[in-house]
Structure formats: structure tokens, C-alpha cells
């Protein structure tokens, strides 16, 4: 990996000169300088930094019903997508979102699918889904920018194994209230580069999916920072070690 790439990943802005370390991508990656830990395995941090997304399909109620459970493999505790409101695959009924909103950022998140066909999703700006879906190798499947890229399924460790997404995201840009540049994402999946400077066209899944999902068939993107959202579809999917570093990415080309 080139130092120019690592410099970009390590920084709150592109002007800084610090470098990321090799252990800052993939499973067990430590937060880079200036990053915010948004989930450390504890109920206290879940309640402090997260809430439900009360979108048009919301059916649950605070406090958050997702559970803190022992890590099946390592020491400590993790977050489990367990809320009765989402049983049977009812998406949008019990998703959780960070209370803080983000524009450009680097994200590290670790997940484990504990059942065949287990389904969840990581929503950048509560708009753009990076899919988590065991067994699906289609553009709707594991690791895809949903319905907009192929699934990099070969990078997936499999059911019952921990996985890591490392994501660099630049929000859409606007001029005179109209979108002038689409959102862009690059991603490593378990340490393997799988998405490189991908433009994201729209919100997929309708109004229950995320912010702007009901605007012009998901193409009516608005100019607002939004939180990181995790989807609950009533399946056993677990999360740990989630941190975000806010950035100011001047150019739409992400050298990730």
C-alpha cells in the first residue's frame, strides 16, 4: 500500500501528514488519530451515541431493543440485531442510527452473520447501503453498494465469522440546491480492496430504507449530513468495533 493512500486515510483533512499504520485496516483495526469510537461493545455507548431511525416504517420504541451479548469468539461484548418489531424481515421498523450526523468520513465496522441468509446493512449517511446478506453473490448481495456494484463475495469470511468493512466516503456536492457531484465510496473488505472510487447514484429500497428513499424514486438526494445507520431485518447479525473519522475530502477521486 502506498504512503499517499495511507496519508489520506489517517487524517481529519487532506492537509495533515500523519500516516496510518498497517493494523488500521481489517479485523481489530484501532481507531486512527482523530477518530470517534461510536460502539465499544457496551450498553452505555449504545444509549449515548445511537437512537432509532424514526422513518415511515418505524414500529419500535426507545430504549433500543437491540441486545448486548457476549462475543462468540473473542473477549468482550457485541451488539446483536434483535428487536421483535423487525421479526420476519420487516426492514425500516427498528433500524438504529448515530445521533451525530456526518458528511465526509472514514468508517471502520466489524460484523458477523450468525445464520444462513442473515441480512442487515450499513447505511452511509442513512442513505446509501453497503449490503450485508449471507449467501447472496448478486449486486444485491454481500459487500455490494446495493444494486449499483457487483458483490465482492470472495472477500467474505462466511457465516459465523467476523468480517470488517473499511470505508472512505465523500458526500454528494450541491450547487444552487441541485446535486452537482454524486456521493463517492471506496472500500476494503477484510483487508482486500473491493470498491474503488464508486459513484453512488441513488437511495435503494424506497422510503422505508433511508433518508431520500422516497424522493423521486431514490434519486432525489438532498444536501444534509446524516448519521450512520445499521439495519435490522430480524436476523442474527452482530456488530463490534465501530469508529468514524470525519474528513474534508476536497476532490471526488478517492485514492483509497
C-alpha atoms as a PDB file:
ATOM      1  CA  UNK A   1       0.000   0.000   0.000  1.00  0.00           C
ATOM      2  CA  UNK A   2       1.363   3.397  -0.984  1.00  0.00           C
ATOM      3  CA  UNK A   3       2.029   6.118   1.555  1.00  0.00           C
ATOM      4  CA  UNK A   4      -0.136   8.580  -0.391  1.00  0.00           C
ATOM      5  CA  UNK A   5      -3.117   6.312   0.271  1.00  0.00           C
ATOM      6  CA  UNK A   6      -2.324   5.868   3.933  1.00  0.00           C
ATOM      7  CA  UNK A   7      -1.875   9.578   4.403  1.00  0.00           C
ATOM      8  CA  UNK A   8      -5.368  10.165   3.071  1.00  0.00           C
ATOM      9  CA  UNK A   9      -6.909   7.551   5.328  1.00  0.00           C
ATOM     10  CA  UNK A  10      -5.296   8.725   8.545  1.00  0.00           C
ATOM     11  CA  UNK A  11      -6.406  12.305   8.513  1.00  0.00           C
ATOM     12  CA  UNK A  12      -9.153  14.639   9.574  1.00  0.00           C
ATOM     13  CA  UNK A  13      -8.247  16.729   6.488  1.00  0.00           C
ATOM     14  CA  UNK A  14      -6.130  16.134   3.416  1.00  0.00           C
ATOM     15  CA  UNK A  15      -3.587  18.673   4.614  1.00  0.00           C
ATOM     16  CA  UNK A  16      -2.284  16.572   7.518  1.00  0.00           C
ATOM     17  CA  UNK A  17       0.898  14.489   7.227  1.00  0.00           C
ATOM     18  CA  UNK A  18       0.342  11.588   9.666  1.00  0.00           C
ATOM     19  CA  UNK A  19       0.351   8.045   8.262  1.00  0.00           C
ATOM     20  CA  UNK A  20      -1.973   5.167   9.093  1.00  0.00           C
ATOM     21  CA  UNK A  21      -0.427   2.002  10.481  1.00  0.00           C
ATOM     22  CA  UNK A  22      -0.871  -1.435   8.874  1.00  0.00           C
ATOM     23  CA  UNK A  23      -3.164  -2.508  11.746  1.00  0.00           C
ATOM     24  CA  UNK A  24      -5.640   0.277  10.929  1.00  0.00           C
ATOM     25  CA  UNK A  25      -7.454  -1.731   8.247  1.00  0.00           C
ATOM     26  CA  UNK A  26      -9.218  -5.077   8.707  1.00  0.00           C
ATOM     27  CA  UNK A  27     -10.289  -7.037  11.765  1.00  0.00           C
ATOM     28  CA  UNK A  28      -9.193  -5.491  15.029  1.00  0.00           C
ATOM     29  CA  UNK A  29      -8.219  -2.163  13.451  1.00  0.00           C
ATOM     30  CA  UNK A  30      -7.601   0.528  16.039  1.00  0.00           C
ATOM     31  CA  UNK A  31      -9.117   3.993  15.614  1.00  0.00           C
ATOM     32  CA  UNK A  32      -6.867   6.314  13.630  1.00  0.00           C
ATOM     33  CA  UNK A  33      -5.860   9.669  15.172  1.00  0.00           C
ATOM     34  CA  UNK A  34      -8.883  11.917  15.466  1.00  0.00           C
ATOM     35  CA  UNK A  35     -11.424   9.124  15.005  1.00  0.00           C
ATOM     36  CA  UNK A  36     -14.502   8.772  17.202  1.00  0.00           C
ATOM     37  CA  UNK A  37     -15.355   5.375  18.680  1.00  0.00           C
ATOM     38  CA  UNK A  38     -19.116   5.030  18.246  1.00  0.00           C
ATOM     39  CA  UNK A  39     -19.541   1.491  19.552  1.00  0.00           C
ATOM     40  CA  UNK A  40     -17.258  -0.214  22.049  1.00  0.00           C
ATOM     41  CA  UNK A  41     -19.441  -3.180  22.983  1.00  0.00           C
ATOM     42  CA  UNK A  42     -21.201  -1.507  25.903  1.00  0.00           C
ATOM     43  CA  UNK A  43     -24.817  -0.636  26.568  1.00  0.00           C
ATOM     44  CA  UNK A  44     -23.702   2.755  27.844  1.00  0.00           C
ATOM     45  CA  UNK A  45     -22.196   3.739  24.484  1.00  0.00           C
ATOM     46  CA  UNK A  46     -25.165   2.318  22.570  1.00  0.00           C
ATOM     47  CA  UNK A  47     -27.547   4.543  24.514  1.00  0.00           C
ATOM     48  CA  UNK A  48     -25.208   7.544  24.451  1.00  0.00           C
ATOM     49  CA  UNK A  49     -24.465   7.629  20.731  1.00  0.00           C
ATOM     50  CA  UNK A  50     -27.328   5.798  18.977  1.00  0.00           C
ATOM     51  CA  UNK A  51     -31.097   6.017  18.652  1.00  0.00           C
ATOM     52  CA  UNK A  52     -33.797   4.552  16.442  1.00  0.00           C
ATOM     53  CA  UNK A  53     -34.339   5.959  12.964  1.00  0.00           C
ATOM     54  CA  UNK A  54     -37.964   7.000  13.122  1.00  0.00           C
ATOM     55  CA  UNK A  55     -38.668   6.729   9.410  1.00  0.00           C
ATOM     56  CA  UNK A  56     -42.029   5.956   7.785  1.00  0.00           C
ATOM     57  CA  UNK A  57     -41.859   2.269   8.693  1.00  0.00           C
ATOM     58  CA  UNK A  58     -40.776   2.680  12.323  1.00  0.00           C
ATOM     59  CA  UNK A  59     -42.580   0.318  14.727  1.00  0.00           C
ATOM     60  CA  UNK A  60     -40.401   0.072  17.840  1.00  0.00           C
ATOM     61  CA  UNK A  61     -39.834   2.379  20.832  1.00  0.00           C
ATOM     62  CA  UNK A  62     -36.945   3.571  22.961  1.00  0.00           C
ATOM     63  CA  UNK A  63     -34.955   2.355  24.748  1.00  0.00           C
ATOM     64  CA  UNK A  64     -33.201   0.467  21.935  1.00  0.00           C
ATOM     65  CA  UNK A  65     -34.239  -3.199  21.993  1.00  0.00           C
ATOM     66  CA  UNK A  66     -31.089  -4.493  20.286  1.00  0.00           C
ATOM     67  CA  UNK A  67     -29.127  -6.672  22.710  1.00  0.00           C
ATOM     68  CA  UNK A  68     -25.618  -6.560  24.124  1.00  0.00           C
ATOM     69  CA  UNK A  69     -24.353 -10.164  24.076  1.00  0.00           C
ATOM     70  CA  UNK A  70     -21.016 -11.930  24.646  1.00  0.00           C
ATOM     71  CA  UNK A  71     -18.674 -12.056  21.661  1.00  0.00           C
ATOM     72  CA  UNK A  72     -18.957 -15.657  20.387  1.00  0.00           C
ATOM     73  CA  UNK A  73     -15.232 -15.741  19.561  1.00  0.00           C
ATOM     74  CA  UNK A  74     -13.249 -13.114  21.437  1.00  0.00           C
ATOM     75  CA  UNK A  75     -13.396 -11.413  24.807  1.00  0.00           C
ATOM     76  CA  UNK A  76     -15.924  -8.682  25.457  1.00  0.00           C
ATOM     77  CA  UNK A  77     -19.462  -7.976  24.309  1.00  0.00           C
ATOM     78  CA  UNK A  78     -21.033  -7.065  20.972  1.00  0.00           C
ATOM     79  CA  UNK A  79     -24.279  -5.688  19.556  1.00  0.00           C
ATOM     80  CA  UNK A  80     -26.961  -8.060  18.242  1.00  0.00           C
ATOM     81  CA  UNK A  81     -29.745  -7.021  15.834  1.00  0.00           C
ATOM     82  CA  UNK A  82     -32.585  -8.342  17.956  1.00  0.00           C
ATOM     83  CA  UNK A  83     -35.841  -6.352  18.029  1.00  0.00           C
ATOM     84  CA  UNK A  84     -39.287  -8.011  17.853  1.00  0.00           C
ATOM     85  CA  UNK A  85     -40.560  -5.195  15.616  1.00  0.00           C
ATOM     86  CA  UNK A  86     -38.305  -6.396  12.770  1.00  0.00           C
ATOM     87  CA  UNK A  87     -39.141 -10.116  13.031  1.00  0.00           C
ATOM     88  CA  UNK A  88     -39.905 -11.651   9.673  1.00  0.00           C
ATOM     89  CA  UNK A  89     -37.683  -9.300   7.699  1.00  0.00           C
ATOM     90  CA  UNK A  90     -39.626  -6.078   8.302  1.00  0.00           C
ATOM     91  CA  UNK A  91     -36.961  -3.572   7.296  1.00  0.00           C
ATOM     92  CA  UNK A  92     -37.201   0.025   8.468  1.00  0.00           C
ATOM     93  CA  UNK A  93     -39.125  -0.884  11.618  1.00  0.00           C
ATOM     94  CA  UNK A  94     -36.234  -0.974  14.101  1.00  0.00           C
ATOM     95  CA  UNK A  95     -33.054   0.381  12.477  1.00  0.00           C
ATOM     96  CA  UNK A  96     -30.619   2.303  14.657  1.00  0.00           C
ATOM     97  CA  UNK A  97     -28.699   5.435  13.662  1.00  0.00           C
ATOM     98  CA  UNK A  98     -25.989   7.527  15.271  1.00  0.00           C
ATOM     99  CA  UNK A  99     -27.242  10.689  16.940  1.00  0.00           C
ATOM    100  CA  UNK A 100     -24.382  12.551  15.291  1.00  0.00           C
ATOM    101  CA  UNK A 101     -24.545  13.320  11.570  1.00  0.00           C
ATOM    102  CA  UNK A 102     -21.558  13.032   9.216  1.00  0.00           C
ATOM    103  CA  UNK A 103     -20.645  14.377   5.783  1.00  0.00           C
ATOM    104  CA  UNK A 104     -17.258  13.020   4.567  1.00  0.00           C
ATOM    105  CA  UNK A 105     -15.722  10.288   6.665  1.00  0.00           C
ATOM    106  CA  UNK A 106     -13.707   7.149   7.044  1.00  0.00           C
ATOM    107  CA  UNK A 107     -15.572   4.270   8.710  1.00  0.00           C
ATOM    108  CA  UNK A 108     -14.400   1.035  10.275  1.00  0.00           C
ATOM    109  CA  UNK A 109     -17.031  -1.538  11.257  1.00  0.00           C
ATOM    110  CA  UNK A 110     -16.897  -5.243  12.098  1.00  0.00           C
ATOM    111  CA  UNK A 111     -19.854  -7.615  11.664  1.00  0.00           C
ATOM    112  CA  UNK A 112     -20.734 -11.277  11.975  1.00  0.00           C
ATOM    113  CA  UNK A 113     -23.701 -13.030  10.342  1.00  0.00           C
ATOM    114  CA  UNK A 114     -24.750 -15.861  12.656  1.00  0.00           C
ATOM    115  CA  UNK A 115     -27.316 -17.603  10.466  1.00  0.00           C
ATOM    116  CA  UNK A 116     -27.541 -18.609   6.785  1.00  0.00           C
ATOM    117  CA  UNK A 117     -29.095 -15.828   4.675  1.00  0.00           C
ATOM    118  CA  UNK A 118     -28.736 -13.429   7.594  1.00  0.00           C
ATOM    119  CA  UNK A 119     -29.478  -9.887   6.431  1.00  0.00           C
ATOM    120  CA  UNK A 120     -28.576  -6.427   7.698  1.00  0.00           C
ATOM    121  CA  UNK A 121     -26.890  -3.394   6.137  1.00  0.00           C
ATOM    122  CA  UNK A 122     -24.568  -0.463   6.790  1.00  0.00           C
ATOM    123  CA  UNK A 123     -26.092   2.827   5.610  1.00  0.00           C
ATOM    124  CA  UNK A 124     -23.698   5.673   4.876  1.00  0.00           C
ATOM    125  CA  UNK A 125     -25.385   8.964   5.741  1.00  0.00           C
ATOM    126  CA  UNK A 126     -28.539   6.905   6.386  1.00  0.00           C
ATOM    127  CA  UNK A 127     -28.905   6.855   2.578  1.00  0.00           C
ATOM    128  CA  UNK A 128     -26.523   4.554   0.761  1.00  0.00           C
ATOM    129  CA  UNK A 129     -26.476   0.887   1.762  1.00  0.00           C
ATOM    130  CA  UNK A 130     -23.426  -1.331   1.830  1.00  0.00           C
ATOM    131  CA  UNK A 131     -25.170  -4.680   1.912  1.00  0.00           C
ATOM    132  CA  UNK A 132     -24.744  -7.452   4.481  1.00  0.00           C
ATOM    133  CA  UNK A 133     -26.517 -10.560   3.155  1.00  0.00           C
ATOM    134  CA  UNK A 134     -25.121 -14.047   3.631  1.00  0.00           C
ATOM    135  CA  UNK A 135     -25.308 -16.327   0.598  1.00  0.00           C
ATOM    136  CA  UNK A 136     -26.080 -13.618  -1.973  1.00  0.00           C
ATOM    137  CA  UNK A 137     -23.433 -13.035  -4.654  1.00  0.00           C
ATOM    138  CA  UNK A 138     -25.590 -10.770  -6.836  1.00  0.00           C
ATOM    139  CA  UNK A 139     -25.457  -6.951  -6.992  1.00  0.00           C
ATOM    140  CA  UNK A 140     -27.994  -7.088  -4.137  1.00  0.00           C
ATOM    141  CA  UNK A 141     -25.602  -9.232  -2.111  1.00  0.00           C
ATOM    142  CA  UNK A 142     -22.795  -9.204   0.418  1.00  0.00           C
ATOM    143  CA  UNK A 143     -20.481  -6.197   0.266  1.00  0.00           C
ATOM    144  CA  UNK A 144     -22.208  -4.574  -2.707  1.00  0.00           C
ATOM    145  CA  UNK A 145     -23.063  -0.913  -2.928  1.00  0.00           C
ATOM    146  CA  UNK A 146     -26.566  -2.259  -3.144  1.00  0.00           C
ATOM    147  CA  UNK A 147     -27.862  -2.747  -6.689  1.00  0.00           C
ATOM    148  CA  UNK A 148     -25.078  -0.498  -8.020  1.00  0.00           C
ATOM    149  CA  UNK A 149     -21.970  -2.742  -7.949  1.00  0.00           C
ATOM    150  CA  UNK A 150     -21.217  -6.436  -8.068  1.00  0.00           C
ATOM    151  CA  UNK A 151     -20.930  -8.300  -4.784  1.00  0.00           C
ATOM    152  CA  UNK A 152     -17.275  -8.866  -3.780  1.00  0.00           C
ATOM    153  CA  UNK A 153     -18.394 -12.127  -2.193  1.00  0.00           C
ATOM    154  CA  UNK A 154     -14.953 -13.716  -2.455  1.00  0.00           C
ATOM    155  CA  UNK A 155     -13.747 -11.402   0.332  1.00  0.00           C
ATOM    156  CA  UNK A 156     -16.436 -12.597   2.779  1.00  0.00           C
ATOM    157  CA  UNK A 157     -15.188 -14.851   5.603  1.00  0.00           C
ATOM    158  CA  UNK A 158     -18.513 -16.706   5.819  1.00  0.00           C
ATOM    159  CA  UNK A 159     -21.330 -17.381   8.262  1.00  0.00           C
ATOM    160  CA  UNK A 160     -20.266 -17.336  11.904  1.00  0.00           C
ATOM    161  CA  UNK A 161     -17.041 -15.427  11.162  1.00  0.00           C
ATOM    162  CA  UNK A 162     -16.129 -11.835  11.928  1.00  0.00           C
ATOM    163  CA  UNK A 163     -15.695  -9.521   8.947  1.00  0.00           C
ATOM    164  CA  UNK A 164     -14.551  -5.920   8.552  1.00  0.00           C
ATOM    165  CA  UNK A 165     -15.528  -3.086   6.248  1.00  0.00           C
ATOM    166  CA  UNK A 166     -13.157  -0.122   5.948  1.00  0.00           C
ATOM    167  CA  UNK A 167     -14.916   2.611   4.022  1.00  0.00           C
ATOM    168  CA  UNK A 168     -13.897   6.010   2.697  1.00  0.00           C
ATOM    169  CA  UNK A 169     -16.936   8.144   1.822  1.00  0.00           C
ATOM    170  CA  UNK A 170     -17.351  11.534   0.199  1.00  0.00           C
ATOM    171  CA  UNK A 171     -20.840  13.015   0.350  1.00  0.00           C
ATOM    172  CA  UNK A 172     -22.683  14.415  -2.653  1.00  0.00           C
ATOM    173  CA  UNK A 173     -21.994  18.054  -3.509  1.00  0.00           C
ATOM    174  CA  UNK A 174     -24.572  20.672  -4.448  1.00  0.00           C
ATOM    175  CA  UNK A 175     -24.720  23.951  -6.324  1.00  0.00           C
ATOM    176  CA  UNK A 176     -27.750  26.218  -6.157  1.00  0.00           C
ATOM    177  CA  UNK A 177     -29.672  23.464  -4.385  1.00  0.00           C
ATOM    178  CA  UNK A 178     -29.043  20.850  -7.084  1.00  0.00           C
ATOM    179  CA  UNK A 179     -26.721  17.855  -6.884  1.00  0.00           C
ATOM    180  CA  UNK A 180     -23.589  18.662  -8.886  1.00  0.00           C
ATOM    181  CA  UNK A 181     -21.438  15.678  -7.797  1.00  0.00           C
ATOM    182  CA  UNK A 182     -22.635  12.263  -6.703  1.00  0.00           C
ATOM    183  CA  UNK A 183     -21.513  10.618  -3.482  1.00  0.00           C
ATOM    184  CA  UNK A 184     -18.366   8.503  -3.870  1.00  0.00           C
ATOM    185  CA  UNK A 185     -17.202   5.472  -1.897  1.00  0.00           C
ATOM    186  CA  UNK A 186     -14.118   3.265  -1.764  1.00  0.00           C
ATOM    187  CA  UNK A 187     -13.943   0.162   0.438  1.00  0.00           C
ATOM    188  CA  UNK A 188     -11.745  -2.588   1.793  1.00  0.00           C
ATOM    189  CA  UNK A 189     -13.479  -5.847   2.787  1.00  0.00           C
ATOM    190  CA  UNK A 190     -11.409  -7.946   5.202  1.00  0.00           C
ATOM    191  CA  UNK A 191      -8.293  -6.104   4.058  1.00  0.00           C
ATOM    192  CA  UNK A 192      -8.987  -6.546   0.332  1.00  0.00           C
ATOM    193  CA  UNK A 193      -9.810  -3.536  -1.843  1.00  0.00           C
ATOM    194  CA  UNK A 194     -13.211  -4.252  -3.392  1.00  0.00           C
ATOM    195  CA  UNK A 195     -14.648  -0.835  -4.349  1.00  0.00           C
ATOM    196  CA  UNK A 196     -12.530   1.921  -5.852  1.00  0.00           C
ATOM    197  CA  UNK A 197     -13.984   5.387  -6.313  1.00  0.00           C
ATOM    198  CA  UNK A 198     -17.565   4.233  -6.956  1.00  0.00           C
ATOM    199  CA  UNK A 199     -20.171   6.905  -7.637  1.00  0.00           C
ATOM    200  CA  UNK A 200     -23.453   6.231  -5.825  1.00  0.00           C
ATOM    201  CA  UNK A 201     -26.462   7.138  -7.922  1.00  0.00           C
ATOM    202  CA  UNK A 202     -29.389   6.855  -5.548  1.00  0.00           C
ATOM    203  CA  UNK A 203     -31.015   5.530  -2.397  1.00  0.00           C
ATOM    204  CA  UNK A 204     -32.251   1.963  -2.990  1.00  0.00           C
ATOM    205  CA  UNK A 205     -35.222   0.396  -1.227  1.00  0.00           C
ATOM    206  CA  UNK A 206     -37.859   3.095  -1.032  1.00  0.00           C
ATOM    207  CA  UNK A 207     -38.816   5.489   1.764  1.00  0.00           C
ATOM    208  CA  UNK A 208     -38.516   2.837   4.500  1.00  0.00           C
ATOM    209  CA  UNK A 209     -34.899   2.262   3.516  1.00  0.00           C
ATOM    210  CA  UNK A 210     -33.331   5.605   4.360  1.00  0.00           C
ATOM    211  CA  UNK A 211     -33.288   9.371   4.024  1.00  0.00           C
ATOM    212  CA  UNK A 212     -34.328  10.457   0.491  1.00  0.00           C
ATOM    213  CA  UNK A 213     -35.567   6.975  -0.373  1.00  0.00           C
ATOM    214  CA  UNK A 214     -38.980   8.421  -1.090  1.00  0.00           C
ATOM    215  CA  UNK A 215     -37.722  11.326  -3.197  1.00  0.00           C
ATOM    216  CA  UNK A 216     -38.011  10.779  -6.968  1.00  0.00           C
ATOM    217  CA  UNK A 217     -37.556   7.014  -6.700  1.00  0.00           C
ATOM    218  CA  UNK A 218     -34.474   7.424  -4.523  1.00  0.00           C
ATOM    219  CA  UNK A 219     -32.758   9.799  -6.939  1.00  0.00           C
ATOM    220  CA  UNK A 220     -33.857  12.980  -5.153  1.00  0.00           C
ATOM    221  CA  UNK A 221     -30.795  13.323  -2.930  1.00  0.00           C
ATOM    222  CA  UNK A 222     -30.796  16.284  -0.560  1.00  0.00           C
ATOM    223  CA  UNK A 223     -27.904  18.244   0.902  1.00  0.00           C
ATOM    224  CA  UNK A 224     -27.872  17.166   4.539  1.00  0.00           C
ATOM    225  CA  UNK A 225     -25.339  15.283   6.629  1.00  0.00           C
ATOM    226  CA  UNK A 226     -26.912  12.227   8.275  1.00  0.00           C
ATOM    227  CA  UNK A 227     -25.989   9.537  10.763  1.00  0.00           C
ATOM    228  CA  UNK A 228     -24.524   6.092  10.257  1.00  0.00           C
ATOM    229  CA  UNK A 229     -27.388   3.588  10.257  1.00  0.00           C
ATOM    230  CA  UNK A 230     -27.455  -0.161  10.916  1.00  0.00           C
ATOM    231  CA  UNK A 231     -30.390  -2.125   9.545  1.00  0.00           C
ATOM    232  CA  UNK A 232     -32.440  -4.669  11.449  1.00  0.00           C
ATOM    233  CA  UNK A 233     -34.284  -7.256   9.364  1.00  0.00           C
ATOM    234  CA  UNK A 234     -34.986  -9.647  12.227  1.00  0.00           C
ATOM    235  CA  UNK A 235     -31.870 -11.761  11.646  1.00  0.00           C
ATOM    236  CA  UNK A 236     -28.973 -12.572  13.963  1.00  0.00           C
ATOM    237  CA  UNK A 237     -26.265 -10.174  12.800  1.00  0.00           C
ATOM    238  CA  UNK A 238     -23.739  -8.787  15.290  1.00  0.00           C
ATOM    239  CA  UNK A 239     -21.527  -5.692  15.325  1.00  0.00           C
ATOM    240  CA  UNK A 240     -18.430  -4.529  17.166  1.00  0.00           C
ATOM    241  CA  UNK A 241     -15.509  -2.073  16.967  1.00  0.00           C
ATOM    242  CA  UNK A 242     -17.205   0.774  15.093  1.00  0.00           C
ATOM    243  CA  UNK A 243     -15.328   4.042  14.654  1.00  0.00           C
ATOM    244  CA  UNK A 244     -15.624   7.053  12.375  1.00  0.00           C
ATOM    245  CA  UNK A 245     -13.116   9.710  11.400  1.00  0.00           C
ATOM    246  CA  UNK A 246     -14.588  12.898   9.997  1.00  0.00           C
ATOM    247  CA  UNK A 247     -12.814  14.171   6.881  1.00  0.00           C
ATOM    248  CA  UNK A 248     -12.930  17.028   4.404  1.00  0.00           C
ATOM    249  CA  UNK A 249     -12.395  15.378   1.025  1.00  0.00           C
ATOM    250  CA  UNK A 250     -11.880  18.167  -1.468  1.00  0.00           C
ATOM    251  CA  UNK A 251     -11.800  16.040  -4.615  1.00  0.00           C
ATOM    252  CA  UNK A 252     -14.303  13.359  -5.734  1.00  0.00           C
ATOM    253  CA  UNK A 253     -11.491  10.934  -6.603  1.00  0.00           C
ATOM    254  CA  UNK A 254     -10.680   8.863  -3.517  1.00  0.00           C
ATOM    255  CA  UNK A 255      -7.184   7.369  -3.645  1.00  0.00           C
ATOM    256  CA  UNK A 256      -8.099   4.505  -1.331  1.00  0.00           C
END
